[in-house]
Amino acid sequence: MLSSPLLLGFEEIERLIDRAGKGSNDGYPPYNIERIARDADKDGGAELLRITLAVAGFTRDQLDITLEDNQLVIRGKQQDDKTREYLYRGIAARQFSRTFVLADGIEVKTADLNNGLLSIDLHRLEPERLVRRIEIGGTKNRS
């Protein structure tokens, strides 16, 4: 994928792209990603992002959010209530796993569950621009 000779040391990024592509592809749960704000006076000029997942029917105890190797992983696990007798069942108990690959410098701030929507707020600081001059050394005799 990233086999260009001009992209040196990006093997880790290729691995992350492959892992993200192998994540949940069934479309459940649906989600939004939005830019909330960019405030130079607040959060050190961070860009604020929000991931919102529609997780109706899940409680806080049935949701798990972890950060694993720059991957934000959200898992939901429901179990059937064996005490109920359904005449018709259109809402199934289900499990899901949704993975988002985060770039370096993006940090998870908060997570909140409200009215069936799980919101995860992230912030990304502006990277410092690094310019360094490389001195050219003298001629060496190569044998």
N, C-alpha and C. Protein backbone atom coordinates (compact mmCIF):
# COMPACT_ATOMS: atom_id res chain seq x y z
N MET A 1 0.83 -1.18 0.00
CA MET A 1 0.00 0.00 0.00
C MET A 1 0.88 1.25 0.00
N LEU A 2 1.72 1.41 1.01
CA LEU A 2 2.60 2.57 1.10
C LEU A 2 4.00 2.17 0.67
N SER A 3 4.12 1.63 -0.55
CA SER A 3 5.38 1.07 -0.99
C SER A 3 6.27 2.08 -1.71
N SER A 4 5.92 3.33 -1.71
CA SER A 4 6.74 4.34 -2.36
C SER A 4 8.09 4.45 -1.66
N PRO A 5 9.19 4.53 -2.43
CA PRO A 5 10.50 4.67 -1.81
C PRO A 5 10.67 6.02 -1.10
N LEU A 6 9.75 6.96 -1.33
CA LEU A 6 9.83 8.26 -0.67
C LEU A 6 9.16 8.28 0.69
N LEU A 7 8.45 7.22 1.05
CA LEU A 7 7.77 7.13 2.34
C LEU A 7 8.55 6.16 3.23
N LEU A 8 9.52 6.69 3.93
CA LEU A 8 10.39 5.87 4.76
C LEU A 8 9.87 5.80 6.18
N GLY A 9 9.77 4.61 6.73
CA GLY A 9 9.37 4.44 8.12
C GLY A 9 7.89 4.51 8.38
N PHE A 10 7.05 4.35 7.37
CA PHE A 10 5.60 4.44 7.53
C PHE A 10 4.94 3.07 7.60
N GLU A 11 5.71 2.03 7.89
CA GLU A 11 5.16 0.69 7.98
C GLU A 11 4.09 0.60 9.06
N GLU A 12 4.28 1.30 10.17
CA GLU A 12 3.31 1.30 11.27
C GLU A 12 1.98 1.88 10.82
N ILE A 13 2.01 2.93 10.01
CA ILE A 13 0.77 3.53 9.51
C ILE A 13 0.05 2.54 8.61
N GLU A 14 0.79 1.84 7.77
CA GLU A 14 0.17 0.85 6.90
C GLU A 14 -0.50 -0.25 7.73
N ARG A 15 0.17 -0.67 8.81
CA ARG A 15 -0.40 -1.70 9.69
C ARG A 15 -1.69 -1.19 10.34
N LEU A 16 -1.70 0.08 10.78
CA LEU A 16 -2.90 0.65 11.40
C LEU A 16 -4.05 0.74 10.40
N ILE A 17 -3.74 1.10 9.15
CA ILE A 17 -4.79 1.20 8.13
C ILE A 17 -5.39 -0.18 7.87
N ASP A 18 -4.54 -1.19 7.81
CA ASP A 18 -5.04 -2.56 7.62
C ASP A 18 -5.93 -2.99 8.77
N ARG A 19 -5.52 -2.69 10.01
CA ARG A 19 -6.31 -3.07 11.19
C ARG A 19 -7.65 -2.35 11.21
N ALA A 20 -7.65 -1.08 10.84
CA ALA A 20 -8.91 -0.32 10.83
C ALA A 20 -9.86 -0.85 9.76
N GLY A 21 -9.30 -1.24 8.61
CA GLY A 21 -10.12 -1.76 7.53
C GLY A 21 -10.75 -3.09 7.86
N LYS A 22 -10.13 -3.84 8.76
CA LYS A 22 -10.67 -5.14 9.15
C LYS A 22 -11.66 -5.04 10.29
N GLY A 23 -11.94 -3.82 10.73
CA GLY A 23 -12.89 -3.63 11.83
C GLY A 23 -14.31 -3.92 11.39
N SER A 24 -15.25 -3.52 12.19
CA SER A 24 -16.66 -3.79 11.92
C SER A 24 -17.09 -3.12 10.62
N ASN A 25 -17.57 -3.91 9.68
CA ASN A 25 -18.02 -3.38 8.40
C ASN A 25 -19.53 -3.53 8.23
N ASP A 26 -20.25 -3.94 9.27
CA ASP A 26 -21.67 -4.17 9.10
C ASP A 26 -22.51 -2.91 9.26
N GLY A 27 -21.89 -1.78 9.56
CA GLY A 27 -22.62 -0.53 9.66
C GLY A 27 -23.32 -0.32 10.99
N TYR A 28 -23.13 -1.22 11.93
CA TYR A 28 -23.78 -1.08 13.23
C TYR A 28 -22.72 -0.92 14.30
N PRO A 29 -22.88 0.00 15.18
CA PRO A 29 -23.91 1.04 15.20
C PRO A 29 -23.54 2.20 14.29
N PRO A 30 -24.56 2.90 13.80
CA PRO A 30 -24.26 4.08 12.98
C PRO A 30 -23.57 5.14 13.83
N TYR A 31 -22.76 5.97 13.18
CA TYR A 31 -22.02 6.98 13.94
C TYR A 31 -21.82 8.24 13.10
N ASN A 32 -21.51 9.32 13.80
CA ASN A 32 -21.15 10.60 13.19
C ASN A 32 -19.79 11.00 13.74
N ILE A 33 -19.02 11.73 12.93
CA ILE A 33 -17.80 12.37 13.40
C ILE A 33 -17.93 13.83 13.00
N GLU A 34 -17.77 14.72 13.98
CA GLU A 34 -17.94 16.14 13.69
C GLU A 34 -16.84 16.97 14.34
N ARG A 35 -16.56 18.10 13.72
CA ARG A 35 -15.65 19.08 14.30
C ARG A 35 -16.49 20.00 15.18
N ILE A 36 -16.15 20.06 16.45
CA ILE A 36 -16.92 20.89 17.38
C ILE A 36 -16.46 22.34 17.32
N ALA A 37 -15.15 22.55 17.48
CA ALA A 37 -14.63 23.92 17.51
C ALA A 37 -13.12 23.89 17.41
N ARG A 38 -12.59 25.04 17.14
CA ARG A 38 -11.16 25.27 17.23
C ARG A 38 -11.02 26.62 17.90
N ASP A 39 -10.54 26.60 19.12
CA ASP A 39 -10.45 27.82 19.92
C ASP A 39 -8.99 28.03 20.32
N ALA A 40 -8.39 29.08 19.78
CA ALA A 40 -6.97 29.35 20.06
C ALA A 40 -6.75 29.71 21.53
N ASP A 41 -7.75 30.31 22.18
CA ASP A 41 -7.59 30.70 23.58
C ASP A 41 -7.86 29.56 24.54
N LYS A 42 -8.57 28.55 24.09
CA LYS A 42 -8.98 27.44 24.95
C LYS A 42 -8.30 26.16 24.49
N ASP A 43 -7.93 25.31 25.40
CA ASP A 43 -7.32 24.01 25.10
C ASP A 43 -6.04 24.13 24.27
N GLY A 44 -5.33 25.24 24.40
CA GLY A 44 -4.05 25.40 23.72
C GLY A 44 -4.16 25.38 22.21
N GLY A 45 -5.25 25.87 21.66
CA GLY A 45 -5.43 25.88 20.21
C GLY A 45 -5.83 24.54 19.64
N ALA A 46 -6.38 23.69 20.47
CA ALA A 46 -6.73 22.34 20.03
C ALA A 46 -7.97 22.35 19.14
N GLU A 47 -7.98 21.42 18.20
CA GLU A 47 -9.17 21.16 17.40
C GLU A 47 -10.00 20.17 18.19
N LEU A 48 -11.28 20.46 18.40
CA LEU A 48 -12.16 19.59 19.17
C LEU A 48 -13.03 18.78 18.22
N LEU A 49 -12.99 17.46 18.39
CA LEU A 49 -13.75 16.54 17.56
C LEU A 49 -14.69 15.72 18.43
N ARG A 50 -15.78 15.23 17.84
CA ARG A 50 -16.72 14.39 18.58
C ARG A 50 -17.16 13.23 17.69
N ILE A 51 -17.06 12.03 18.28
CA ILE A 51 -17.61 10.82 17.66
C ILE A 51 -18.89 10.51 18.41
N THR A 52 -20.00 10.35 17.69
CA THR A 52 -21.28 10.03 18.30
C THR A 52 -21.79 8.73 17.70
N LEU A 53 -22.04 7.74 18.57
CA LEU A 53 -22.57 6.45 18.13
C LEU A 53 -23.99 6.29 18.64
N ALA A 54 -24.88 5.78 17.80
CA ALA A 54 -26.26 5.51 18.19
C ALA A 54 -26.31 4.12 18.83
N VAL A 55 -26.40 4.09 20.15
CA VAL A 55 -26.35 2.82 20.90
C VAL A 55 -27.62 2.65 21.74
N ALA A 56 -28.77 2.92 21.15
CA ALA A 56 -30.04 2.80 21.88
C ALA A 56 -30.18 1.39 22.44
N GLY A 57 -30.61 1.32 23.69
CA GLY A 57 -30.82 0.04 24.34
C GLY A 57 -29.63 -0.44 25.15
N PHE A 58 -28.47 0.18 24.99
CA PHE A 58 -27.29 -0.19 25.77
C PHE A 58 -27.18 0.70 27.01
N THR A 59 -26.79 0.09 28.11
CA THR A 59 -26.53 0.84 29.33
C THR A 59 -25.03 1.10 29.43
N ARG A 60 -24.63 1.96 30.36
CA ARG A 60 -23.21 2.24 30.57
C ARG A 60 -22.43 0.96 30.87
N ASP A 61 -23.04 0.06 31.63
CA ASP A 61 -22.36 -1.18 32.00
C ASP A 61 -22.15 -2.12 30.82
N GLN A 62 -22.92 -1.94 29.76
CA GLN A 62 -22.81 -2.82 28.60
C GLN A 62 -21.87 -2.26 27.53
N LEU A 63 -21.30 -1.08 27.78
CA LEU A 63 -20.39 -0.44 26.84
C LEU A 63 -18.99 -0.39 27.43
N ASP A 64 -18.00 -0.57 26.57
CA ASP A 64 -16.61 -0.54 26.99
C ASP A 64 -15.82 0.27 25.96
N ILE A 65 -15.05 1.25 26.43
CA ILE A 65 -14.24 2.09 25.56
C ILE A 65 -12.79 1.93 25.99
N THR A 66 -11.93 1.55 25.04
CA THR A 66 -10.51 1.39 25.35
C THR A 66 -9.67 2.08 24.27
N LEU A 67 -8.47 2.42 24.65
CA LEU A 67 -7.50 2.98 23.72
C LEU A 67 -6.35 1.99 23.64
N GLU A 68 -6.18 1.37 22.47
CA GLU A 68 -5.18 0.33 22.27
C GLU A 68 -4.32 0.69 21.07
N ASP A 69 -3.05 1.02 21.31
CA ASP A 69 -2.12 1.33 20.21
C ASP A 69 -2.70 2.32 19.22
N ASN A 70 -3.07 3.49 19.69
CA ASN A 70 -3.65 4.56 18.86
C ASN A 70 -4.97 4.17 18.21
N GLN A 71 -5.62 3.15 18.73
CA GLN A 71 -6.94 2.77 18.23
C GLN A 71 -7.96 2.94 19.34
N LEU A 72 -9.00 3.69 19.05
CA LEU A 72 -10.11 3.84 19.97
C LEU A 72 -11.08 2.72 19.65
N VAL A 73 -11.31 1.83 20.61
CA VAL A 73 -12.18 0.68 20.39
C VAL A 73 -13.40 0.80 21.30
N ILE A 74 -14.58 0.79 20.70
CA ILE A 74 -15.84 0.85 21.45
C ILE A 74 -16.53 -0.49 21.25
N ARG A 75 -16.86 -1.13 22.36
CA ARG A 75 -17.54 -2.43 22.30
C ARG A 75 -18.84 -2.35 23.09
N GLY A 76 -19.84 -3.01 22.57
CA GLY A 76 -21.12 -3.12 23.25
C GLY A 76 -21.53 -4.57 23.33
N LYS A 77 -22.05 -4.96 24.49
CA LYS A 77 -22.45 -6.36 24.66
C LYS A 77 -23.76 -6.40 25.44
N GLN A 78 -24.80 -6.90 24.79
CA GLN A 78 -26.08 -7.10 25.44
C GLN A 78 -26.33 -8.60 25.56
N GLN A 79 -27.07 -8.97 26.59
CA GLN A 79 -27.43 -10.37 26.76
C GLN A 79 -28.95 -10.47 26.81
N ASP A 80 -29.44 -11.59 26.30
CA ASP A 80 -30.88 -11.82 26.31
C ASP A 80 -31.38 -11.93 27.75
N ASP A 81 -32.54 -11.33 27.99
CA ASP A 81 -33.20 -11.45 29.28
C ASP A 81 -34.07 -12.70 29.22
N LYS A 82 -33.63 -13.75 29.87
CA LYS A 82 -34.32 -15.05 29.80
C LYS A 82 -35.65 -15.03 30.56
N THR A 83 -35.89 -14.00 31.37
CA THR A 83 -37.12 -13.96 32.16
C THR A 83 -38.30 -13.43 31.34
N ARG A 84 -38.03 -12.86 30.16
CA ARG A 84 -39.11 -12.31 29.33
C ARG A 84 -39.60 -13.33 28.32
N GLU A 85 -40.91 -13.27 28.08
CA GLU A 85 -41.52 -14.11 27.05
C GLU A 85 -42.05 -13.19 25.96
N TYR A 86 -41.41 -13.24 24.80
CA TYR A 86 -41.77 -12.36 23.70
C TYR A 86 -42.83 -13.01 22.82
N LEU A 87 -43.86 -12.24 22.46
CA LEU A 87 -44.83 -12.66 21.46
C LEU A 87 -44.29 -12.34 20.07
N TYR A 88 -43.58 -11.23 19.98
CA TYR A 88 -42.88 -10.83 18.76
C TYR A 88 -41.61 -10.13 19.19
N ARG A 89 -40.51 -10.45 18.51
CA ARG A 89 -39.24 -9.83 18.88
C ARG A 89 -38.61 -9.21 17.65
N GLY A 90 -38.64 -7.88 17.59
CA GLY A 90 -38.03 -7.14 16.49
C GLY A 90 -36.75 -6.43 16.91
N ILE A 91 -36.52 -6.36 18.21
CA ILE A 91 -35.31 -5.72 18.74
C ILE A 91 -34.45 -6.82 19.33
N ALA A 92 -33.40 -7.15 18.64
CA ALA A 92 -32.53 -8.24 19.10
C ALA A 92 -31.42 -7.70 20.00
N ALA A 93 -31.03 -8.49 20.98
CA ALA A 93 -29.85 -8.18 21.77
C ALA A 93 -28.65 -8.48 20.87
N ARG A 94 -27.73 -7.55 20.80
CA ARG A 94 -26.60 -7.77 19.91
C ARG A 94 -25.31 -7.22 20.48
N GLN A 95 -24.23 -7.59 19.86
CA GLN A 95 -22.92 -7.12 20.25
C GLN A 95 -22.33 -6.34 19.09
N PHE A 96 -21.37 -5.46 19.40
CA PHE A 96 -20.67 -4.75 18.34
C PHE A 96 -19.28 -4.38 18.82
N SER A 97 -18.44 -4.10 17.86
CA SER A 97 -17.12 -3.56 18.11
C SER A 97 -16.83 -2.57 16.99
N ARG A 98 -16.54 -1.34 17.35
CA ARG A 98 -16.26 -0.28 16.36
C ARG A 98 -14.88 0.29 16.69
N THR A 99 -14.01 0.38 15.68
CA THR A 99 -12.64 0.83 15.88
C THR A 99 -12.37 2.10 15.08
N PHE A 100 -11.72 3.06 15.72
CA PHE A 100 -11.28 4.30 15.07
C PHE A 100 -9.78 4.43 15.30
N VAL A 101 -9.02 4.61 14.23
CA VAL A 101 -7.58 4.81 14.36
C VAL A 101 -7.34 6.29 14.59
N LEU A 102 -6.62 6.61 15.67
CA LEU A 102 -6.35 8.00 16.02
C LEU A 102 -4.92 8.35 15.64
N ALA A 103 -4.73 9.52 15.06
CA ALA A 103 -3.39 9.99 14.72
C ALA A 103 -2.66 10.38 16.00
N ASP A 104 -1.34 10.41 15.90
CA ASP A 104 -0.55 10.89 17.04
C ASP A 104 -0.99 12.31 17.37
N GLY A 105 -1.08 12.62 18.64
CA GLY A 105 -1.47 13.96 19.06
C GLY A 105 -2.95 14.11 19.33
N ILE A 106 -3.77 13.09 19.02
CA ILE A 106 -5.20 13.15 19.34
C ILE A 106 -5.41 12.44 20.68
N GLU A 107 -6.07 13.13 21.59
CA GLU A 107 -6.32 12.58 22.91
C GLU A 107 -7.82 12.50 23.17
N VAL A 108 -8.23 11.46 23.88
CA VAL A 108 -9.62 11.31 24.27
C VAL A 108 -9.84 12.15 25.52
N LYS A 109 -10.83 13.05 25.46
CA LYS A 109 -11.13 13.90 26.61
C LYS A 109 -12.20 13.30 27.49
N THR A 110 -13.39 13.05 26.91
CA THR A 110 -14.52 12.58 27.71
C THR A 110 -15.38 11.63 26.88
N ALA A 111 -16.21 10.88 27.59
CA ALA A 111 -17.23 10.03 26.96
C ALA A 111 -18.50 10.18 27.79
N ASP A 112 -19.63 10.26 27.09
CA ASP A 112 -20.90 10.45 27.78
C ASP A 112 -22.00 9.69 27.03
N LEU A 113 -22.92 9.10 27.80
CA LEU A 113 -24.06 8.40 27.22
C LEU A 113 -25.32 9.16 27.62
N ASN A 114 -26.08 9.62 26.60
CA ASN A 114 -27.27 10.41 26.87
C ASN A 114 -28.30 10.13 25.78
N ASN A 115 -29.50 9.70 26.18
CA ASN A 115 -30.61 9.44 25.26
C ASN A 115 -30.23 8.48 24.13
N GLY A 116 -29.47 7.45 24.46
CA GLY A 116 -29.12 6.44 23.47
C GLY A 116 -27.97 6.83 22.55
N LEU A 117 -27.33 7.96 22.80
CA LEU A 117 -26.20 8.40 21.99
C LEU A 117 -24.94 8.43 22.86
N LEU A 118 -23.92 7.73 22.42
CA LEU A 118 -22.63 7.72 23.09
C LEU A 118 -21.75 8.75 22.39
N SER A 119 -21.34 9.78 23.11
CA SER A 119 -20.50 10.84 22.55
C SER A 119 -19.11 10.75 23.16
N ILE A 120 -18.10 10.76 22.30
CA ILE A 120 -16.71 10.71 22.74
C ILE A 120 -16.03 11.94 22.18
N ASP A 121 -15.55 12.79 23.08
CA ASP A 121 -14.90 14.03 22.67
C ASP A 121 -13.39 13.83 22.63
N LEU A 122 -12.79 14.31 21.56
CA LEU A 122 -11.36 14.20 21.34
C LEU A 122 -10.79 15.59 21.13
N HIS A 123 -9.52 15.77 21.42
CA HIS A 123 -8.90 17.02 21.01
C HIS A 123 -7.54 16.72 20.38
N ARG A 124 -7.24 17.53 19.39
CA ARG A 124 -5.98 17.39 18.66
C ARG A 124 -5.25 18.72 18.73
N LEU A 125 -4.08 18.68 19.34
CA LEU A 125 -3.26 19.88 19.44
C LEU A 125 -2.56 20.13 18.11
N GLU A 126 -2.36 21.39 17.81
CA GLU A 126 -1.61 21.75 16.61
C GLU A 126 -0.17 21.30 16.81
N PRO A 127 0.35 20.52 15.89
CA PRO A 127 1.74 20.08 16.05
C PRO A 127 2.70 21.26 15.88
N GLU A 128 3.79 21.20 16.64
CA GLU A 128 4.80 22.22 16.48
C GLU A 128 5.53 21.99 15.17
N ARG A 129 5.77 23.07 14.46
CA ARG A 129 6.49 22.97 13.19
C ARG A 129 7.98 22.92 13.51
N LEU A 130 8.61 21.85 13.08
CA LEU A 130 10.02 21.65 13.37
C LEU A 130 10.82 21.81 12.08
N VAL A 131 11.72 22.79 12.09
CA VAL A 131 12.61 23.00 10.97
C VAL A 131 14.03 22.92 11.52
N ARG A 132 14.81 22.06 10.93
CA ARG A 132 16.18 21.87 11.40
C ARG A 132 17.11 21.87 10.19
N ARG A 133 18.14 22.64 10.29
CA ARG A 133 19.12 22.71 9.20
C ARG A 133 20.12 21.57 9.37
N ILE A 134 20.40 20.88 8.28
CA ILE A 134 21.35 19.77 8.28
C ILE A 134 22.64 20.27 7.62
N GLU A 135 23.70 20.25 8.38
CA GLU A 135 25.00 20.67 7.85
C GLU A 135 25.57 19.58 6.97
N ILE A 136 26.21 19.98 5.91
CA ILE A 136 26.85 19.05 4.99
C ILE A 136 28.31 18.92 5.41
N GLY A 137 28.72 17.68 5.68
CA GLY A 137 30.07 17.45 6.13
C GLY A 137 31.08 17.52 5.00
N GLY A 138 32.36 17.45 5.38
CA GLY A 138 33.45 17.50 4.41
C GLY A 138 33.53 16.23 3.58
N THR A 139 34.35 16.25 2.56
CA THR A 139 34.51 15.12 1.67
C THR A 139 35.31 14.02 2.38
N LYS A 140 34.80 12.81 2.30
CA LYS A 140 35.50 11.67 2.89
C LYS A 140 35.88 10.72 1.77
N ASN A 141 37.02 10.15 1.91
CA ASN A 141 37.48 9.18 0.91
C ASN A 141 36.82 7.84 1.19
N ARG A 142 35.98 7.37 0.28
CA ARG A 142 35.26 6.11 0.49
C ARG A 142 35.96 5.01 -0.28
N SER A 143 36.35 3.98 0.41
CA SER A 143 37.03 2.86 -0.25
C SER A 143 36.19 1.63 -0.22
